Amino acid sequence: MVVKSIDRLGRNYAEILEQWRILTKEKNVAIVVLDMPLLDTRDKKDFFGTFIADLALQIMSAFAQIELDFIKNRQAEGIAAAKARGVKFGRPPKKRPENYFTVRDEWKSGKISAHKAGKILGVSPQTFLRWTRSDEN
């Protein structure tokens, strides 16, 4: 199995080590990590070769975890800064059609179902019901 870098095996330190163990020990898969030649297990079947590969794996996995933590922290800081500037995230709310209140009143009186109301308004029943709940608040 050939991977570009060790962090492709998992999302965090523990997952990388677990995947490495499963692949090399349980499934006897040889792994080649392109950006870390020490982690080439094709020829290292002796004790010393395995020891060096496992040691390098531990170190590289720890660095991958640290890098991931830095990325998450920078992302959180960026999101917080954007929110402080007033940036809105997510999809903008759907505008209610002009006939919404008429259709809502028909639904409240029991003349039509939420499914039918959504169909008339061109939205899903869930969106229609969300609108009615926000009207109550």
N, C-alpha and C. Protein backbone atom coordinates (compact mmCIF):
# COMPACT_ATOMS: atom_id res chain seq x y z
N MET A 1 0.85 -1.16 0.00
CA MET A 1 0.00 0.00 0.00
C MET A 1 0.90 1.23 0.00
N VAL A 2 0.60 2.18 -0.87
CA VAL A 2 1.40 3.39 -0.98
C VAL A 2 0.53 4.58 -0.58
N VAL A 3 1.01 5.39 0.36
CA VAL A 3 0.32 6.62 0.76
C VAL A 3 1.30 7.78 0.66
N LYS A 4 0.78 8.96 0.36
CA LYS A 4 1.65 10.14 0.23
C LYS A 4 2.24 10.54 1.57
N SER A 5 1.40 10.63 2.60
CA SER A 5 1.90 11.00 3.92
C SER A 5 1.17 10.19 4.99
N ILE A 6 1.75 10.15 6.14
CA ILE A 6 1.24 9.30 7.23
C ILE A 6 -0.14 9.74 7.71
N ASP A 7 -0.45 11.03 7.59
CA ASP A 7 -1.74 11.50 8.08
C ASP A 7 -2.91 11.03 7.21
N ARG A 8 -2.63 10.37 6.08
CA ARG A 8 -3.69 9.81 5.24
C ARG A 8 -4.27 8.54 5.86
N LEU A 9 -3.59 7.99 6.86
CA LEU A 9 -4.07 6.75 7.49
C LEU A 9 -5.14 7.01 8.56
N GLY A 10 -5.26 8.24 9.02
CA GLY A 10 -6.25 8.51 10.06
C GLY A 10 -6.38 9.98 10.35
N ARG A 11 -7.38 10.31 11.18
CA ARG A 11 -7.66 11.71 11.50
C ARG A 11 -6.91 12.21 12.72
N ASN A 12 -6.39 11.28 13.52
CA ASN A 12 -5.65 11.71 14.71
C ASN A 12 -4.59 10.66 15.05
N TYR A 13 -3.82 10.96 16.07
CA TYR A 13 -2.69 10.12 16.48
C TYR A 13 -3.12 8.67 16.71
N ALA A 14 -4.16 8.49 17.53
CA ALA A 14 -4.59 7.13 17.87
C ALA A 14 -5.09 6.37 16.65
N GLU A 15 -5.81 7.06 15.77
CA GLU A 15 -6.35 6.39 14.59
C GLU A 15 -5.24 5.99 13.61
N ILE A 16 -4.24 6.83 13.47
CA ILE A 16 -3.10 6.50 12.60
C ILE A 16 -2.40 5.26 13.12
N LEU A 17 -2.13 5.23 14.42
CA LEU A 17 -1.44 4.07 15.00
C LEU A 17 -2.28 2.80 14.87
N GLU A 18 -3.58 2.93 15.08
CA GLU A 18 -4.47 1.76 14.99
C GLU A 18 -4.51 1.22 13.56
N GLN A 19 -4.64 2.11 12.59
CA GLN A 19 -4.67 1.68 11.19
C GLN A 19 -3.34 1.03 10.79
N TRP A 20 -2.25 1.62 11.24
CA TRP A 20 -0.93 1.05 10.95
C TRP A 20 -0.82 -0.36 11.53
N ARG A 21 -1.26 -0.53 12.78
CA ARG A 21 -1.20 -1.84 13.43
C ARG A 21 -2.04 -2.85 12.68
N ILE A 22 -3.26 -2.49 12.33
CA ILE A 22 -4.15 -3.41 11.62
C ILE A 22 -3.54 -3.83 10.29
N LEU A 23 -3.06 -2.83 9.54
CA LEU A 23 -2.52 -3.13 8.21
C LEU A 23 -1.24 -3.95 8.27
N THR A 24 -0.30 -3.56 9.13
CA THR A 24 1.00 -4.24 9.14
C THR A 24 1.01 -5.53 9.95
N LYS A 25 0.31 -5.56 11.06
CA LYS A 25 0.37 -6.74 11.94
C LYS A 25 -0.71 -7.77 11.61
N GLU A 26 -1.96 -7.31 11.50
CA GLU A 26 -3.07 -8.26 11.29
C GLU A 26 -3.20 -8.69 9.83
N LYS A 27 -3.03 -7.74 8.90
CA LYS A 27 -3.25 -8.06 7.49
C LYS A 27 -1.96 -8.28 6.72
N ASN A 28 -0.82 -8.10 7.38
CA ASN A 28 0.50 -8.27 6.76
C ASN A 28 0.65 -7.48 5.46
N VAL A 29 0.20 -6.23 5.47
CA VAL A 29 0.31 -5.35 4.32
C VAL A 29 1.61 -4.56 4.45
N ALA A 30 2.36 -4.48 3.36
CA ALA A 30 3.55 -3.63 3.34
C ALA A 30 3.09 -2.22 3.00
N ILE A 31 3.58 -1.24 3.75
CA ILE A 31 3.18 0.15 3.55
C ILE A 31 4.40 0.98 3.16
N VAL A 32 4.20 1.83 2.15
CA VAL A 32 5.22 2.77 1.72
C VAL A 32 4.65 4.17 1.90
N VAL A 33 5.32 4.99 2.70
CA VAL A 33 4.91 6.38 2.90
C VAL A 33 5.88 7.24 2.09
N LEU A 34 5.38 7.87 1.04
CA LEU A 34 6.24 8.57 0.09
C LEU A 34 7.06 9.70 0.71
N ASP A 35 6.47 10.47 1.61
CA ASP A 35 7.23 11.59 2.17
C ASP A 35 8.02 11.22 3.42
N MET A 36 8.08 9.93 3.76
CA MET A 36 8.87 9.48 4.92
C MET A 36 9.44 8.09 4.59
N PRO A 37 10.61 8.04 3.93
CA PRO A 37 11.19 6.76 3.52
C PRO A 37 11.44 5.77 4.67
N LEU A 38 11.60 6.26 5.88
CA LEU A 38 11.79 5.35 7.02
C LEU A 38 10.58 4.46 7.25
N LEU A 39 9.42 4.89 6.77
CA LEU A 39 8.19 4.13 6.98
C LEU A 39 7.87 3.20 5.81
N ASP A 40 8.89 2.69 5.17
CA ASP A 40 8.73 1.71 4.09
C ASP A 40 8.88 0.33 4.71
N THR A 41 7.79 -0.43 4.82
CA THR A 41 7.83 -1.73 5.50
C THR A 41 8.02 -2.90 4.55
N ARG A 42 8.33 -2.63 3.28
CA ARG A 42 8.49 -3.74 2.33
C ARG A 42 9.66 -4.65 2.67
N ASP A 43 10.78 -4.05 3.08
CA ASP A 43 11.99 -4.85 3.30
C ASP A 43 12.31 -5.04 4.77
N LYS A 44 11.59 -4.38 5.66
CA LYS A 44 11.96 -4.38 7.08
C LYS A 44 11.20 -5.46 7.85
N LYS A 45 11.54 -6.69 7.59
CA LYS A 45 10.87 -7.79 8.28
C LYS A 45 11.64 -8.23 9.53
N ASP A 46 12.90 -7.74 9.68
CA ASP A 46 13.67 -8.10 10.87
C ASP A 46 13.28 -7.20 12.04
N PHE A 47 13.73 -7.54 13.22
CA PHE A 47 13.36 -6.81 14.43
C PHE A 47 13.79 -5.35 14.37
N PHE A 48 15.05 -5.10 13.97
CA PHE A 48 15.57 -3.74 13.98
C PHE A 48 14.82 -2.86 12.97
N GLY A 49 14.56 -3.38 11.78
CA GLY A 49 13.82 -2.62 10.77
C GLY A 49 12.42 -2.28 11.24
N THR A 50 11.76 -3.25 11.87
CA THR A 50 10.42 -3.02 12.39
C THR A 50 10.44 -2.01 13.52
N PHE A 51 11.46 -2.11 14.39
CA PHE A 51 11.60 -1.16 15.50
C PHE A 51 11.76 0.27 14.98
N ILE A 52 12.63 0.47 14.00
CA ILE A 52 12.87 1.80 13.43
C ILE A 52 11.60 2.34 12.80
N ALA A 53 10.90 1.50 12.03
CA ALA A 53 9.66 1.93 11.38
C ALA A 53 8.60 2.31 12.42
N ASP A 54 8.47 1.51 13.47
CA ASP A 54 7.49 1.80 14.52
C ASP A 54 7.84 3.09 15.27
N LEU A 55 9.13 3.29 15.54
CA LEU A 55 9.57 4.50 16.22
C LEU A 55 9.30 5.74 15.36
N ALA A 56 9.65 5.66 14.09
CA ALA A 56 9.39 6.78 13.17
C ALA A 56 7.88 7.04 13.06
N LEU A 57 7.10 5.97 13.05
CA LEU A 57 5.65 6.10 12.99
C LEU A 57 5.12 6.86 14.20
N GLN A 58 5.59 6.51 15.38
CA GLN A 58 5.15 7.19 16.60
C GLN A 58 5.45 8.68 16.53
N ILE A 59 6.66 9.02 16.11
CA ILE A 59 7.06 10.42 16.04
C ILE A 59 6.25 11.17 14.98
N MET A 60 6.14 10.59 13.79
CA MET A 60 5.42 11.26 12.71
C MET A 60 3.93 11.38 13.03
N SER A 61 3.36 10.39 13.69
CA SER A 61 1.95 10.46 14.07
C SER A 61 1.72 11.57 15.08
N ALA A 62 2.65 11.73 16.01
CA ALA A 62 2.53 12.80 17.01
C ALA A 62 2.59 14.15 16.32
N PHE A 63 3.50 14.31 15.36
CA PHE A 63 3.58 15.58 14.62
C PHE A 63 2.31 15.82 13.80
N ALA A 64 1.76 14.78 13.22
CA ALA A 64 0.52 14.92 12.45
C ALA A 64 -0.62 15.39 13.37
N GLN A 65 -0.67 14.85 14.58
CA GLN A 65 -1.71 15.25 15.54
C GLN A 65 -1.52 16.71 15.97
N ILE A 66 -0.28 17.11 16.22
CA ILE A 66 0.00 18.49 16.60
C ILE A 66 -0.39 19.44 15.47
N GLU A 67 -0.04 19.08 14.25
CA GLU A 67 -0.41 19.91 13.09
C GLU A 67 -1.93 20.03 12.96
N LEU A 68 -2.64 18.93 13.15
CA LEU A 68 -4.10 18.95 13.09
C LEU A 68 -4.68 19.87 14.15
N ASP A 69 -4.12 19.80 15.36
CA ASP A 69 -4.59 20.68 16.43
C ASP A 69 -4.36 22.15 16.09
N PHE A 70 -3.19 22.46 15.50
CA PHE A 70 -2.91 23.84 15.08
C PHE A 70 -3.91 24.30 14.03
N ILE A 71 -4.19 23.44 13.06
CA ILE A 71 -5.13 23.79 11.99
C ILE A 71 -6.51 24.07 12.57
N LYS A 72 -6.96 23.22 13.48
CA LYS A 72 -8.29 23.42 14.09
C LYS A 72 -8.34 24.71 14.90
N ASN A 73 -7.26 25.02 15.63
CA ASN A 73 -7.22 26.26 16.41
C ASN A 73 -7.26 27.48 15.50
N ARG A 74 -6.46 27.45 14.41
CA ARG A 74 -6.46 28.59 13.48
C ARG A 74 -7.82 28.74 12.82
N GLN A 75 -8.45 27.63 12.50
CA GLN A 75 -9.78 27.68 11.88
C GLN A 75 -10.79 28.30 12.85
N ALA A 76 -10.75 27.88 14.11
CA ALA A 76 -11.67 28.42 15.11
C ALA A 76 -11.43 29.92 15.31
N GLU A 77 -10.16 30.33 15.32
CA GLU A 77 -9.84 31.75 15.46
C GLU A 77 -10.37 32.55 14.27
N GLY A 78 -10.22 31.99 13.07
CA GLY A 78 -10.71 32.65 11.86
C GLY A 78 -12.22 32.79 11.86
N ILE A 79 -12.91 31.75 12.30
CA ILE A 79 -14.38 31.79 12.36
C ILE A 79 -14.82 32.82 13.39
N ALA A 80 -14.17 32.85 14.55
CA ALA A 80 -14.52 33.82 15.59
C ALA A 80 -14.28 35.24 15.10
N ALA A 81 -13.17 35.48 14.40
CA ALA A 81 -12.87 36.82 13.88
C ALA A 81 -13.90 37.23 12.83
N ALA A 82 -14.29 36.29 11.98
CA ALA A 82 -15.29 36.59 10.95
C ALA A 82 -16.64 36.91 11.58
N LYS A 83 -17.02 36.14 12.60
CA LYS A 83 -18.29 36.42 13.29
C LYS A 83 -18.25 37.77 13.98
N ALA A 84 -17.09 38.14 14.54
CA ALA A 84 -16.95 39.45 15.18
C ALA A 84 -17.10 40.58 14.17
N ARG A 85 -16.71 40.33 12.91
CA ARG A 85 -16.87 41.32 11.85
C ARG A 85 -18.29 41.32 11.29
N GLY A 86 -19.12 40.39 11.76
CA GLY A 86 -20.51 40.35 11.31
C GLY A 86 -20.78 39.43 10.14
N VAL A 87 -19.81 38.58 9.79
CA VAL A 87 -20.00 37.64 8.69
C VAL A 87 -21.02 36.58 9.11
N LYS A 88 -21.98 36.32 8.26
CA LYS A 88 -23.00 35.30 8.52
C LYS A 88 -22.58 34.01 7.83
N PHE A 89 -22.70 32.90 8.55
CA PHE A 89 -22.37 31.59 8.01
C PHE A 89 -23.66 30.83 7.70
N GLY A 90 -23.57 29.90 6.78
CA GLY A 90 -24.71 29.05 6.46
C GLY A 90 -25.56 29.63 5.35
N ARG A 91 -26.55 28.86 5.03
CA ARG A 91 -27.45 29.22 3.95
C ARG A 91 -28.37 30.35 4.42
N PRO A 92 -28.65 31.33 3.57
CA PRO A 92 -29.57 32.39 3.98
C PRO A 92 -30.99 31.84 4.13
N PRO A 93 -31.76 32.40 5.06
CA PRO A 93 -33.12 31.89 5.25
C PRO A 93 -33.99 32.14 4.01
N LYS A 94 -34.89 31.21 3.78
CA LYS A 94 -35.80 31.31 2.65
C LYS A 94 -36.85 32.38 2.92
N LYS A 95 -37.14 33.18 1.92
CA LYS A 95 -38.17 34.22 2.05
C LYS A 95 -39.56 33.59 1.97
N ARG A 96 -40.46 34.11 2.78
CA ARG A 96 -41.83 33.61 2.76
C ARG A 96 -42.59 34.23 1.60
N PRO A 97 -43.30 33.40 0.84
CA PRO A 97 -44.08 33.95 -0.28
C PRO A 97 -45.19 34.88 0.21
N GLU A 98 -45.71 35.69 -0.70
CA GLU A 98 -46.76 36.66 -0.34
C GLU A 98 -48.01 36.00 0.22
N ASN A 99 -48.34 34.81 -0.29
CA ASN A 99 -49.55 34.12 0.15
C ASN A 99 -49.35 33.25 1.39
N TYR A 100 -48.18 33.40 2.06
CA TYR A 100 -47.88 32.55 3.22
C TYR A 100 -48.94 32.66 4.30
N PHE A 101 -49.32 33.87 4.68
CA PHE A 101 -50.25 34.03 5.81
C PHE A 101 -51.63 33.46 5.49
N THR A 102 -52.06 33.56 4.26
CA THR A 102 -53.34 32.98 3.85
C THR A 102 -53.29 31.46 3.97
N VAL A 103 -52.22 30.88 3.44
CA VAL A 103 -52.05 29.42 3.49
C VAL A 103 -51.90 28.96 4.93
N ARG A 104 -51.15 29.72 5.73
CA ARG A 104 -50.98 29.36 7.15
C ARG A 104 -52.31 29.34 7.88
N ASP A 105 -53.16 30.33 7.60
CA ASP A 105 -54.47 30.39 8.25
C ASP A 105 -55.34 29.20 7.84
N GLU A 106 -55.27 28.79 6.58
CA GLU A 106 -56.01 27.59 6.12
C GLU A 106 -55.51 26.35 6.84
N TRP A 107 -54.17 26.27 7.03
CA TRP A 107 -53.59 25.12 7.74
C TRP A 107 -54.02 25.12 9.20
N LYS A 108 -53.99 26.30 9.84
CA LYS A 108 -54.39 26.39 11.24
C LYS A 108 -55.85 26.00 11.45
N SER A 109 -56.68 26.32 10.48
CA SER A 109 -58.09 25.98 10.61
C SER A 109 -58.37 24.52 10.26
N GLY A 110 -57.34 23.81 9.79
CA GLY A 110 -57.49 22.38 9.50
C GLY A 110 -57.99 22.09 8.11
N LYS A 111 -58.08 23.09 7.25
CA LYS A 111 -58.57 22.89 5.88
C LYS A 111 -57.55 22.16 5.01
N ILE A 112 -56.27 22.41 5.29
CA ILE A 112 -55.22 21.73 4.51
C ILE A 112 -54.15 21.19 5.47
N SER A 113 -53.38 20.25 4.97
CA SER A 113 -52.29 19.67 5.77
C SER A 113 -51.02 20.49 5.58
N ALA A 114 -50.03 20.24 6.43
CA ALA A 114 -48.74 20.91 6.31
C ALA A 114 -48.08 20.54 4.99
N HIS A 115 -48.28 19.30 4.57
CA HIS A 115 -47.72 18.84 3.30
C HIS A 115 -48.32 19.64 2.14
N LYS A 116 -49.63 19.79 2.15
CA LYS A 116 -50.33 20.55 1.11
C LYS A 116 -49.92 22.03 1.17
N ALA A 117 -49.80 22.59 2.36
CA ALA A 117 -49.39 23.99 2.52
C ALA A 117 -47.99 24.20 1.94
N GLY A 118 -47.09 23.29 2.24
CA GLY A 118 -45.74 23.38 1.68
C GLY A 118 -45.76 23.31 0.17
N LYS A 119 -46.57 22.44 -0.36
CA LYS A 119 -46.67 22.28 -1.82
C LYS A 119 -47.19 23.57 -2.46
N ILE A 120 -48.21 24.18 -1.85
CA ILE A 120 -48.78 25.43 -2.37
C ILE A 120 -47.71 26.53 -2.36
N LEU A 121 -46.92 26.58 -1.28
CA LEU A 121 -45.92 27.64 -1.12
C LEU A 121 -44.61 27.34 -1.84
N GLY A 122 -44.46 26.11 -2.32
CA GLY A 122 -43.24 25.74 -3.03
C GLY A 122 -42.06 25.45 -2.11
N VAL A 123 -42.37 25.00 -0.88
CA VAL A 123 -41.33 24.62 0.08
C VAL A 123 -41.68 23.26 0.66
N SER A 124 -40.75 22.71 1.42
CA SER A 124 -41.01 21.43 2.06
C SER A 124 -41.96 21.63 3.24
N PRO A 125 -42.65 20.56 3.67
CA PRO A 125 -43.51 20.67 4.86
C PRO A 125 -42.71 21.09 6.09
N GLN A 126 -41.44 20.65 6.18
CA GLN A 126 -40.62 21.01 7.33
C GLN A 126 -40.35 22.52 7.36
N THR A 127 -40.09 23.10 6.20
CA THR A 127 -39.86 24.55 6.14
C THR A 127 -41.13 25.29 6.53
N PHE A 128 -42.26 24.85 6.01
CA PHE A 128 -43.53 25.48 6.36
C PHE A 128 -43.76 25.43 7.88
N LEU A 129 -43.54 24.25 8.48
CA LEU A 129 -43.76 24.11 9.92
C LEU A 129 -42.75 24.94 10.72
N ARG A 130 -41.52 25.06 10.23
CA ARG A 130 -40.53 25.90 10.89
C ARG A 130 -40.98 27.36 10.88
N TRP A 131 -41.53 27.80 9.75
CA TRP A 131 -42.05 29.17 9.67
C TRP A 131 -43.18 29.39 10.67
N THR A 132 -44.09 28.40 10.78
CA THR A 132 -45.23 28.58 11.70
C THR A 132 -44.74 28.61 13.15
N ARG A 133 -43.72 27.81 13.47
CA ARG A 133 -43.17 27.84 14.84
C ARG A 133 -42.51 29.18 15.14
N SER A 134 -41.84 29.74 14.15
CA SER A 134 -41.20 31.05 14.39
C SER A 134 -42.24 32.16 14.51
N ASP A 135 -43.42 31.97 13.90
CA ASP A 135 -44.51 32.94 14.05
C ASP A 135 -45.01 32.97 15.49
N GLU A 136 -44.99 31.81 16.13
CA GLU A 136 -45.49 31.71 17.51
C GLU A 136 -44.54 32.35 18.51
N ASN A 137 -43.26 32.41 18.16
CA ASN A 137 -42.26 32.97 19.09
C ASN A 137 -42.19 34.43 19.01
